[in-house]
Amino acid sequence: MKTLVLGIGSPFADDQFGWKVAEELQNSVKDENIQVKIVDRPGLNLLRFIEQDFQKVMLVDAVNAKAPIGQHFTLSAGDIIDFHGFFSSHSIGIAPSLALAQALNYPINHIKFYGVQIKRITQKDDILSNEIKAQISPIACKIMKNLK
């Protein structure tokens, strides 16, 4: 089964979370059918990844749902579109991109989202908070279990 894992984020504060999870997965995944990529605020370019021939797509990104810091979120494609907790450091985030994909009749049922409520949201430095660092390995492990 061809699988894509996209670590989504930016180089700023806790928005690096998706990148850090993807980096950990890149060091662990040895299956040629699994691609792990890091993308910087893809916006509508997310559709380019969706339209490729993957049976499973996993998105990893920061969340700002005003939930407890470090809370995990696992959402299906339909849930993503209705979820309003994404922190978007980019002009168009995951939910609007998937809503557009759905409107264009792209298949999205094979997409799953993994995220964590972040602490440091608007800072323009490269410091990842300790609470979020502590969530990188647990989310990477959760994704690894779902890659099988």
Protein backbone atom coordinates (compact mmCIF):
# COMPACT_ATOMS: atom_id res chain seq x y z
CA MET A 1 0.00 0.00 0.00
CA LYS A 2 1.46 3.36 -1.04
CA THR A 3 1.34 5.78 1.86
CA LEU A 4 2.30 9.43 2.21
CA VAL A 5 3.00 11.15 5.51
CA LEU A 6 3.16 14.95 5.28
CA GLY A 7 4.73 16.88 8.13
CA ILE A 8 3.16 20.32 7.73
CA GLY A 9 4.41 23.46 9.42
CA SER A 10 6.72 26.42 9.34
CA PRO A 11 10.09 27.24 10.90
CA PHE A 12 8.43 29.18 13.72
CA ALA A 13 7.83 28.21 17.36
CA ASP A 14 5.53 25.21 17.92
CA ASP A 15 4.36 25.28 14.30
CA GLN A 16 7.45 23.14 13.66
CA PHE A 17 5.64 20.22 15.29
CA GLY A 18 4.62 18.47 12.05
CA TRP A 19 8.16 18.81 10.71
CA LYS A 20 9.68 17.29 13.84
CA VAL A 21 7.33 14.30 13.74
CA ALA A 22 8.15 13.80 10.04
CA GLU A 23 11.88 13.98 10.77
CA GLU A 24 11.52 11.27 13.41
CA LEU A 25 9.51 9.13 10.99
CA GLN A 26 12.07 9.63 8.21
CA ASN A 27 14.66 8.09 10.51
CA SER A 28 12.39 5.14 11.38
CA VAL A 29 10.49 4.23 8.22
CA LYS A 30 12.38 1.85 5.94
CA ASP A 31 9.51 0.76 3.68
CA GLU A 32 9.82 1.94 0.06
CA ASN A 33 6.02 2.18 -0.17
CA ILE A 34 5.95 4.85 2.52
CA GLN A 35 7.03 8.39 1.71
CA VAL A 36 7.57 10.92 4.48
CA LYS A 37 7.81 14.54 3.36
CA ILE A 38 8.17 17.87 5.10
CA VAL A 39 6.22 20.76 3.62
CA ASP A 40 6.25 24.44 4.50
CA ARG A 41 2.72 25.87 4.68
CA PRO A 42 1.41 24.10 1.58
CA GLY A 43 -1.94 25.90 1.31
CA LEU A 44 -3.68 24.82 -1.88
CA ASN A 45 -0.55 22.92 -2.94
CA LEU A 46 -1.85 20.26 -0.57
CA LEU A 47 -4.10 19.24 -3.47
CA ARG A 48 -1.02 18.26 -5.50
CA PHE A 49 -0.22 15.64 -2.88
CA ILE A 50 -3.82 14.44 -2.60
CA GLU A 51 -4.19 13.85 -6.32
CA GLN A 52 -1.18 11.55 -6.39
CA ASP A 53 -1.61 7.80 -6.31
CA PHE A 54 -1.52 7.11 -2.55
CA GLN A 55 -3.90 4.71 -0.86
CA LYS A 56 -3.31 6.40 2.49
CA VAL A 57 -2.34 10.02 3.30
CA MET A 58 -1.47 11.12 6.83
CA LEU A 59 -1.18 14.81 7.65
CA VAL A 60 0.67 15.99 10.76
CA ASP A 61 0.31 19.60 11.88
CA ALA A 62 -0.09 21.95 14.83
CA VAL A 63 -3.55 22.66 16.24
CA ASN A 64 -4.88 25.68 18.09
CA ALA A 65 -8.27 24.55 19.36
CA LYS A 66 -7.93 26.28 22.72
CA ALA A 67 -7.54 22.78 24.20
CA PRO A 68 -5.06 21.76 26.88
CA ILE A 69 -1.48 22.11 25.64
CA GLY A 70 -0.26 18.82 24.22
CA GLN A 71 -3.73 17.35 23.62
CA HIS A 72 -3.70 14.93 20.69
CA PHE A 73 -6.14 15.12 17.78
CA THR A 74 -6.78 12.34 15.28
CA LEU A 75 -9.31 13.25 12.62
CA SER A 76 -10.70 11.69 9.47
CA ALA A 77 -10.99 13.74 6.28
CA GLY A 78 -14.64 14.63 6.91
CA ASP A 79 -13.86 15.68 10.47
CA ILE A 80 -10.98 17.86 9.25
CA ILE A 81 -13.27 19.95 7.06
CA ASP A 82 -15.57 20.67 10.00
CA PHE A 83 -12.76 21.22 12.53
CA HIS A 84 -11.97 24.84 13.31
CA GLY A 85 -8.94 24.30 15.52
CA PHE A 86 -6.15 24.49 13.00
CA PHE A 87 -3.43 27.01 13.55
CA SER A 88 -2.67 28.29 10.10
CA SER A 89 0.60 30.12 9.68
CA HIS A 90 -0.23 30.13 5.99
CA SER A 91 -2.91 31.84 3.97
CA ILE A 92 -5.03 28.76 3.34
CA GLY A 93 -4.92 25.91 5.83
CA ILE A 94 -5.70 22.22 5.75
CA ALA A 95 -9.48 22.40 6.27
CA PRO A 96 -10.18 24.83 3.39
CA SER A 97 -7.81 22.91 1.12
CA LEU A 98 -9.61 19.63 1.83
CA ALA A 99 -13.00 21.29 1.41
CA LEU A 100 -11.88 22.46 -2.04
CA ALA A 101 -10.57 18.97 -2.85
CA GLN A 102 -13.95 17.54 -1.87
CA ALA A 103 -15.78 20.12 -4.00
CA LEU A 104 -13.56 19.14 -6.94
CA ASN A 105 -14.51 15.48 -6.37
CA TYR A 106 -11.01 14.45 -5.32
CA PRO A 107 -11.16 11.36 -3.14
CA ILE A 108 -10.35 12.33 0.45
CA ASN A 109 -11.57 9.35 2.48
CA HIS A 110 -8.02 7.97 2.62
CA ILE A 111 -6.74 11.05 4.51
CA LYS A 112 -6.16 11.09 8.25
CA PHE A 113 -4.89 13.95 10.39
CA TYR A 114 -2.69 13.85 13.48
CA GLY A 115 -2.08 16.96 15.52
CA VAL A 116 -1.28 18.40 18.91
CA GLN A 117 -2.54 21.51 20.66
CA ILE A 118 0.42 23.87 20.64
CA LYS A 119 1.55 26.43 23.21
CA ARG A 120 3.75 28.91 21.37
CA ILE A 121 1.67 30.15 18.46
CA THR A 122 2.65 33.60 17.21
CA GLN A 123 6.33 33.80 18.07
CA LYS A 124 8.70 34.21 15.13
CA ASP A 125 11.62 32.26 16.58
CA ASP A 126 12.69 28.64 16.18
CA ILE A 127 12.12 27.60 19.80
CA LEU A 128 9.89 24.59 20.27
CA SER A 129 8.21 24.47 23.70
CA ASN A 130 9.10 21.56 25.98
CA GLU A 131 5.45 20.48 26.19
CA ILE A 132 5.32 20.07 22.42
CA LYS A 133 8.76 18.44 22.16
CA ALA A 134 7.44 15.80 24.55
CA GLN A 135 4.60 14.97 22.10
CA ILE A 136 6.76 14.32 19.02
CA SER A 137 7.62 10.68 19.79
CA PRO A 138 4.12 9.68 20.99
CA ILE A 139 2.53 11.01 17.79
CA ALA A 140 5.27 9.42 15.65
CA CYS A 141 4.59 6.09 17.41
CA LYS A 142 0.83 6.46 16.84
CA ILE A 143 1.45 7.07 13.13
CA MET A 144 3.91 4.15 12.89
CA LYS A 145 1.22 1.81 14.29
CA ASN A 146 -1.21 3.04 11.63
CA LEU A 147 1.28 2.60 8.80
CA LYS A 148 0.96 -1.18 9.05
